[in-house]
Amino acid sequence: MRILAIESSCDESAAAVFDGEGGLLAHEVFSQIDLHQIYGGVVPELASRDHVQRLLPMVDRVLARASGDGKPIEGVAYTAGPGLIGALLTGAALARSLAHAWAVPSLGVHHLEGHLLAPLLEPVPPEYPHVALLVSGGHTMLIECAGIGRYTLLGETRDDAAGEAFDKSAKLLGLPYPGGPHLARLAETGRPSRHVFPRPMLDRPGLEFSFSGLKTAVLHAVRALPDASDQDRADIALALQDAVVDTLVAKSLRAVAHTGLDTLVVSGGVSANRSLRSRLDSAAAKQGVRVYYPRLEFCTDNAAMIAVAGHARLAAGERDAIGIRARAQWPLDSLHPPGNL
């Protein structure tokens, strides 16, 4: 089955064509960073308007690149949530319109399930069951994955997500939007142990996270250095990154031990962080745990991951009813295995 997938949950416009036999045939992503940078964060109305302009030409381009064998599109998948409701509706409306015009089925896909399935695009995908660390701008979750659609939430953040801790702290350090990648680059020149920030909730059992206190620790460190040099800012950035990474690594391996599994999948935008990958690989190897990541281009929001999730469900016979689905909130544990309606 060959499908078109559309992603528009926040500030990336994306489209992809995926074939059950040929795999990913074409994909494209456009980031709205330049549009939102002047405001220091995503402006939902501007995001929606930009999706309206970008998506259809992008769909045309990926369809053209994937059309070499003349095989038609047999289904359309789109991100139905969670996300910014206006942004979601732009992609959903386009997807449903195309599906109606082509007389093919369409299906709204859970954005976080897309992230969980992104590593399936790799030449050597992870096997089930496994533990997943889903760590992105707005989510930090540990999930036991028994199969596609069979998810058990083990723990999540009680307040800020890890990505939010990076972005908010980056803003305190005067770094441009989006702050996370800028903070990671600044941390490369930081001096170890100049600052030591708390590792939240590691001193107690359980698999939940809390990162709001780290932002406060950064705020106090910044205020204590009113004339901070570039080196001072780099030292703070490194201390924050170390605290976040240490927490994610420890909790992830704790989750693996809790479940008795030996495979960990890490996905979401923060999974691109090089320090996280390096330390997690090292710590996991000592415990005999295999770790899988999506390639860097599939860590952030993209339509290829939506295509994988959509294909699994469309091929199993799932279809949208009449009407457009878009949900700002959508619990991951409300999902079911493909075709199990």
Protein backbone atom coordinates (compact mmCIF):
# COMPACT_ATOMS: atom_id res chain seq x y z
CA MET A 1 0.00 0.00 0.00
CA ARG A 2 1.36 3.43 -0.97
CA ILE A 3 0.33 6.44 1.10
CA LEU A 4 0.87 10.17 1.33
CA ALA A 5 1.50 11.60 4.81
CA ILE A 6 1.22 15.19 6.04
CA GLU A 7 2.58 16.68 9.26
CA SER A 8 1.56 20.14 10.54
CA SER A 9 1.26 19.85 14.32
CA CYS A 10 3.39 22.88 15.21
CA ASP A 11 6.05 24.83 13.32
CA GLU A 12 7.23 22.32 10.72
CA SER A 13 5.39 21.67 7.48
CA ALA A 14 6.16 18.21 6.11
CA ALA A 15 5.02 15.69 3.53
CA ALA A 16 6.15 12.18 2.64
CA VAL A 17 5.30 9.24 0.40
CA PHE A 18 5.70 5.76 1.88
CA ASP A 19 5.24 2.37 0.26
CA GLY A 20 4.76 -0.89 2.13
CA GLU A 21 7.22 -2.65 -0.18
CA GLY A 22 9.54 0.17 -1.24
CA GLY A 23 9.72 2.01 2.08
CA LEU A 24 10.15 5.77 2.22
CA LEU A 25 10.12 7.08 -1.36
CA ALA A 26 10.21 10.85 -0.79
CA HIS A 27 9.93 13.33 2.06
CA GLU A 28 10.36 17.03 2.67
CA VAL A 29 10.32 19.28 5.75
CA PHE A 30 10.15 23.04 6.04
CA SER A 31 10.94 24.66 9.40
CA GLN A 32 9.36 27.97 10.39
CA ILE A 33 12.25 28.97 12.64
CA ASP A 34 12.92 32.23 10.79
CA LEU A 35 9.24 33.17 10.95
CA HIS A 36 8.94 32.77 14.74
CA GLN A 37 12.45 33.74 15.83
CA ILE A 38 11.64 37.43 16.20
CA TYR A 39 8.93 36.54 18.74
CA GLY A 40 11.07 34.13 20.76
CA GLY A 41 8.62 31.26 20.30
CA VAL A 42 5.89 29.80 18.10
CA VAL A 43 2.97 32.12 17.27
CA PRO A 44 0.08 29.71 16.53
CA GLU A 45 -1.76 31.96 14.06
CA LEU A 46 1.38 32.59 12.03
CA ALA A 47 2.20 28.88 12.08
CA SER A 48 -1.23 27.99 10.67
CA ARG A 49 -1.04 30.61 7.92
CA ASP A 50 2.40 29.40 6.85
CA HIS A 51 1.21 25.78 6.69
CA VAL A 52 -1.55 26.91 4.33
CA GLN A 53 1.06 28.35 1.98
CA ARG A 54 3.63 25.57 2.23
CA LEU A 55 1.81 22.25 2.34
CA LEU A 56 0.21 21.88 -1.08
CA PRO A 57 3.37 22.77 -3.09
CA MET A 58 5.31 20.43 -0.82
CA VAL A 59 2.83 17.62 -1.48
CA ASP A 60 3.20 18.21 -5.22
CA ARG A 61 6.98 17.88 -4.97
CA VAL A 62 7.06 14.65 -2.97
CA LEU A 63 4.41 13.09 -5.22
CA ALA A 64 6.50 13.99 -8.27
CA ARG A 65 9.66 12.46 -6.78
CA ALA A 66 7.83 9.25 -5.83
CA SER A 67 5.92 8.77 -9.10
CA GLY A 68 8.60 6.99 -11.12
CA ASP A 69 6.82 3.63 -11.21
CA GLY A 70 3.37 5.11 -11.82
CA LYS A 71 1.85 3.43 -8.78
CA PRO A 72 -1.05 5.49 -7.36
CA ILE A 73 -1.56 6.80 -3.85
CA GLU A 74 -3.87 4.40 -1.99
CA GLY A 75 -4.33 6.30 1.27
CA VAL A 76 -3.58 9.56 3.08
CA ALA A 77 -2.35 9.90 6.66
CA TYR A 78 -2.10 13.16 8.58
CA THR A 79 -1.24 14.31 12.07
CA ALA A 80 -4.49 14.67 14.01
CA GLY A 81 -2.96 15.56 17.38
CA PRO A 82 -1.71 16.46 19.83
CA GLY A 83 -0.54 19.89 18.74
CA LEU A 84 -1.65 23.42 17.93
CA ILE A 85 -5.27 23.07 16.87
CA GLY A 86 -5.11 25.60 14.04
CA ALA A 87 -1.93 24.08 12.63
CA LEU A 88 -3.41 20.59 12.87
CA LEU A 89 -6.54 21.66 11.03
CA THR A 90 -4.58 22.98 8.04
CA GLY A 91 -2.94 19.63 7.45
CA ALA A 92 -6.08 17.68 8.24
CA ALA A 93 -8.21 19.70 5.84
CA LEU A 94 -5.72 19.24 3.01
CA ALA A 95 -5.33 15.52 3.68
CA ARG A 96 -9.07 14.88 3.80
CA SER A 97 -9.64 16.95 0.65
CA LEU A 98 -7.00 15.02 -1.29
CA ALA A 99 -8.33 11.68 -0.06
CA HIS A 100 -11.85 12.64 -1.13
CA ALA A 101 -10.66 13.79 -4.56
CA TRP A 102 -8.66 10.60 -5.09
CA ALA A 103 -11.39 8.37 -3.60
CA VAL A 104 -8.94 6.77 -1.17
CA PRO A 105 -9.16 6.34 2.62
CA SER A 106 -7.62 8.78 5.07
CA LEU A 107 -6.61 8.50 8.70
CA GLY A 108 -5.60 10.88 11.48
CA VAL A 109 -2.41 9.75 13.21
CA HIS A 110 -1.16 10.38 16.74
CA HIS A 111 1.90 12.63 16.60
CA LEU A 112 3.66 10.89 19.48
CA GLU A 113 3.08 7.46 17.97
CA GLY A 114 4.87 8.82 14.92
CA HIS A 115 7.89 9.68 17.08
CA LEU A 116 7.80 6.23 18.68
CA LEU A 117 7.84 4.57 15.25
CA ALA A 118 10.48 6.82 13.64
CA PRO A 119 13.29 4.29 14.39
CA LEU A 120 11.43 1.76 12.21
CA LEU A 121 12.69 3.79 9.23
CA GLU A 122 16.24 2.66 9.97
CA PRO A 123 17.93 -0.27 8.16
CA VAL A 124 18.04 -2.22 11.44
CA PRO A 125 14.86 -1.31 13.33
CA PRO A 126 14.26 -2.18 16.99
CA GLU A 127 12.23 -5.26 17.84
CA TYR A 128 9.28 -5.45 20.23
CA PRO A 129 8.90 -5.39 23.16
CA HIS A 130 11.09 -2.49 24.22
CA VAL A 131 11.17 0.58 26.44
CA ALA A 132 10.92 3.97 24.74
CA LEU A 133 12.18 7.32 25.98
CA LEU A 134 10.17 9.94 24.12
CA VAL A 135 11.85 13.26 24.76
CA SER A 136 10.84 16.30 22.75
CA GLY A 137 10.02 19.98 23.21
CA GLY A 138 6.79 19.35 25.08
CA HIS A 139 7.03 15.73 26.20
CA THR A 140 9.27 13.59 28.37
CA MET A 141 7.85 10.09 28.75
CA LEU A 142 8.99 6.54 29.43
CA ILE A 143 6.78 3.99 27.70
CA GLU A 144 6.75 0.20 27.58
CA CYS A 145 6.01 -0.73 23.96
CA ALA A 146 4.72 -4.26 23.42
CA GLY A 147 3.92 -3.52 19.77
CA ILE A 148 2.43 -0.84 17.56
CA GLY A 149 -0.48 0.65 19.48
CA ARG A 150 0.31 -1.35 22.62
CA TYR A 151 1.75 1.28 24.93
CA THR A 152 1.98 1.40 28.72
CA LEU A 153 3.04 4.70 30.24
CA LEU A 154 5.73 4.10 32.86
CA GLY A 155 6.46 7.69 33.83
CA GLU A 156 6.37 11.25 32.53
CA THR A 157 7.27 14.75 33.62
CA ARG A 158 5.22 16.40 36.34
CA ASP A 159 5.91 19.88 34.95
CA ASP A 160 8.34 21.06 32.27
CA ALA A 161 9.62 18.59 29.70
CA ALA A 162 13.36 18.22 29.10
CA GLY A 163 13.08 20.16 25.85
CA GLU A 164 11.29 22.99 27.66
CA ALA A 165 14.08 23.10 30.25
CA PHE A 166 16.59 23.52 27.43
CA ASP A 167 14.55 26.15 25.58
CA LYS A 168 13.59 28.23 28.63
CA SER A 169 17.12 28.14 30.03
CA ALA A 170 18.51 29.12 26.64
CA LYS A 171 16.28 32.19 26.71
CA LEU A 172 17.66 33.10 30.14
CA LEU A 173 21.14 32.88 28.65
CA GLY A 174 20.17 35.23 25.83
CA LEU A 175 20.27 32.56 23.11
CA PRO A 176 18.00 32.80 20.06
CA TYR A 177 14.95 30.64 19.36
CA PRO A 178 14.85 27.69 19.20
CA GLY A 179 17.10 27.58 22.22
CA GLY A 180 17.84 23.87 22.67
CA PRO A 181 20.30 23.40 19.78
CA HIS A 182 22.02 26.73 20.54
CA LEU A 183 22.42 25.74 24.19
CA ALA A 184 23.93 22.38 23.22
CA ARG A 185 26.49 24.10 21.00
CA LEU A 186 27.34 26.61 23.73
CA ALA A 187 27.80 23.78 26.24
CA GLU A 188 30.59 22.32 24.09
CA THR A 189 32.94 25.04 25.38
CA GLY A 190 31.77 24.91 29.00
CA ARG A 191 34.05 24.03 31.89
CA PRO A 192 32.97 20.94 33.85
CA SER A 193 32.00 21.31 37.52
CA ARG A 194 31.94 25.11 37.46
CA HIS A 195 28.26 24.79 38.37
CA VAL A 196 26.41 21.76 39.68
CA PHE A 197 22.64 21.77 39.21
CA PRO A 198 20.23 19.28 40.82
CA ARG A 199 19.36 15.94 39.21
CA PRO A 200 15.61 16.09 39.90
CA MET A 201 13.85 13.09 41.41
CA LEU A 202 16.84 10.75 41.15
CA ASP A 203 16.97 10.45 44.92
CA ARG A 204 13.61 8.70 45.07
CA PRO A 205 12.16 5.59 43.42
CA GLY A 206 9.92 5.79 40.40
CA LEU A 207 10.09 6.79 36.76
CA GLU A 208 8.65 10.29 36.76
CA PHE A 209 10.53 13.46 35.84
CA SER A 210 10.55 17.11 36.92
CA PHE A 211 12.58 19.76 35.12
CA SER A 212 11.04 23.05 36.23
CA GLY A 213 13.52 23.37 39.11
CA LEU A 214 16.45 23.29 36.68
CA LYS A 215 15.16 26.43 35.01
CA THR A 216 15.10 28.11 38.44
CA ALA A 217 18.67 26.95 39.11
CA VAL A 218 19.78 28.49 35.82
CA LEU A 219 17.96 31.72 36.67
CA HIS A 220 19.82 32.00 40.00
CA ALA A 221 23.15 31.25 38.30
CA VAL A 222 22.54 33.93 35.67
CA ARG A 223 21.51 36.52 38.26
CA ALA A 224 24.65 35.78 40.29
CA LEU A 225 26.75 36.79 37.25
CA PRO A 226 25.29 40.11 36.03
CA ASP A 227 28.34 40.71 33.83
CA ALA A 228 28.57 37.12 32.60
CA SER A 229 31.15 36.46 29.90
CA ASP A 230 30.66 34.04 27.03
CA GLN A 231 32.65 31.52 29.05
CA ASP A 232 30.37 32.00 32.06
CA ARG A 233 27.33 31.35 29.90
CA ALA A 234 28.96 28.26 28.41
CA ASP A 235 29.66 26.94 31.91
CA ILE A 236 26.00 27.35 32.86
CA ALA A 237 24.86 25.71 29.63
CA LEU A 238 27.10 22.71 30.25
CA ALA A 239 25.89 22.35 33.85
CA LEU A 240 22.28 22.36 32.70
CA GLN A 241 22.90 19.87 29.90
CA ASP A 242 24.75 17.56 32.28
CA ALA A 243 21.85 17.65 34.76
CA VAL A 244 19.24 16.89 32.10
CA VAL A 245 21.28 14.15 30.44
CA ASP A 246 22.21 12.47 33.72
CA THR A 247 18.54 12.40 34.70
CA LEU A 248 17.35 11.01 31.37
CA VAL A 249 20.03 8.32 31.32
CA ALA A 250 19.43 7.18 34.88
CA LYS A 251 15.65 7.09 34.56
CA SER A 252 15.77 5.30 31.20
CA LEU A 253 17.99 2.52 32.48
CA ARG A 254 15.86 2.31 35.61
CA ALA A 255 12.83 1.76 33.36
CA VAL A 256 14.63 -0.96 31.42
CA ALA A 257 15.50 -2.73 34.68
CA HIS A 258 11.93 -2.30 35.95
CA THR A 259 10.45 -4.02 32.88
CA GLY A 260 13.11 -6.71 32.55
CA LEU A 261 13.62 -5.78 28.90
CA ASP A 262 16.98 -5.23 27.20
CA THR A 263 16.11 -2.77 24.41
CA LEU A 264 15.69 1.00 24.65
CA VAL A 265 14.38 3.28 21.88
CA VAL A 266 15.03 7.02 22.15
CA SER A 267 13.05 9.40 19.95
CA GLY A 268 11.85 13.01 19.76
CA GLY A 269 13.76 16.22 19.13
CA VAL A 270 16.02 15.97 22.18
CA SER A 271 17.18 12.53 21.02
CA ALA A 272 19.40 14.42 18.56
CA ASN A 273 21.49 15.78 21.46
CA ARG A 274 24.99 14.36 21.05
CA SER A 275 25.78 14.36 24.76
CA LEU A 276 22.63 12.35 25.49
CA ARG A 277 23.46 9.79 22.82
CA SER A 278 27.07 9.42 23.93
CA ARG A 279 26.35 8.98 27.62
CA LEU A 280 23.34 6.76 27.09
CA ASP A 281 25.26 4.49 24.72
CA SER A 282 28.09 4.16 27.22
CA ALA A 283 25.88 3.52 30.25
CA ALA A 284 23.59 1.12 28.38
CA ALA A 285 26.50 -0.95 27.03
CA LYS A 286 27.70 -1.58 30.58
CA GLN A 287 24.30 -3.06 31.40
CA GLY A 288 23.92 -5.05 28.18
CA VAL A 289 21.12 -2.80 26.90
CA ARG A 290 20.72 -2.13 23.17
CA VAL A 291 19.81 1.45 22.26
CA TYR A 292 18.14 2.59 19.03
CA TYR A 293 17.63 6.11 17.70
CA PRO A 294 16.09 7.59 14.56
CA ARG A 295 18.56 9.29 12.25
CA LEU A 296 18.95 12.99 13.01
CA GLU A 297 16.58 14.18 10.26
CA PHE A 298 13.77 12.10 11.77
CA CYS A 299 14.25 13.22 15.39
CA THR A 300 12.35 16.48 14.97
CA ASP A 301 8.82 16.67 13.53
CA ASN A 302 8.56 15.13 10.07
CA ALA A 303 6.04 13.39 7.83
CA ALA A 304 8.11 10.22 7.35
CA MET A 305 7.30 9.10 10.90
CA ILE A 306 3.62 9.92 10.35
CA ALA A 307 3.76 7.83 7.18
CA VAL A 308 5.08 4.80 9.09
CA ALA A 309 2.35 5.05 11.72
CA GLY A 310 -0.34 5.82 9.15
CA HIS A 311 0.66 2.98 6.86
CA ALA A 312 0.51 0.42 9.67
CA ARG A 313 -3.04 1.46 10.49
CA LEU A 314 -4.37 2.10 6.97
CA ALA A 315 -3.01 -1.26 5.79
CA ALA A 316 -4.86 -2.90 8.70
CA GLY A 317 -8.15 -1.41 7.50
CA GLU A 318 -8.50 1.64 9.73
CA ARG A 319 -10.33 4.57 8.17
CA ASP A 320 -11.57 8.00 9.23
CA ALA A 321 -15.31 8.48 9.50
CA ILE A 322 -16.90 11.54 7.94
CA GLY A 323 -15.50 14.73 9.44
CA ILE A 324 -12.06 16.09 10.20
CA ARG A 325 -10.20 14.88 13.28
CA ALA A 326 -7.94 17.31 15.10
CA ARG A 327 -7.15 17.19 18.82
CA ALA A 328 -4.99 19.59 20.80
CA GLN A 329 -4.83 16.91 23.52
CA TRP A 330 -4.81 13.17 22.83
CA PRO A 331 -3.62 10.65 25.45
CA LEU A 332 -1.17 8.17 23.99
CA ASP A 333 -2.54 5.30 26.08
CA SER A 334 -5.93 5.69 24.39
CA LEU A 335 -4.50 4.10 21.22
CA HIS A 336 -5.09 0.48 20.21
CA PRO A 337 -3.20 -1.96 17.95
CA PRO A 338 -3.73 -1.45 14.21
CA GLY A 339 -7.06 -2.83 13.03
CA ASN A 340 -8.25 -3.55 16.57
CA LEU A 341 -11.25 -1.21 16.43
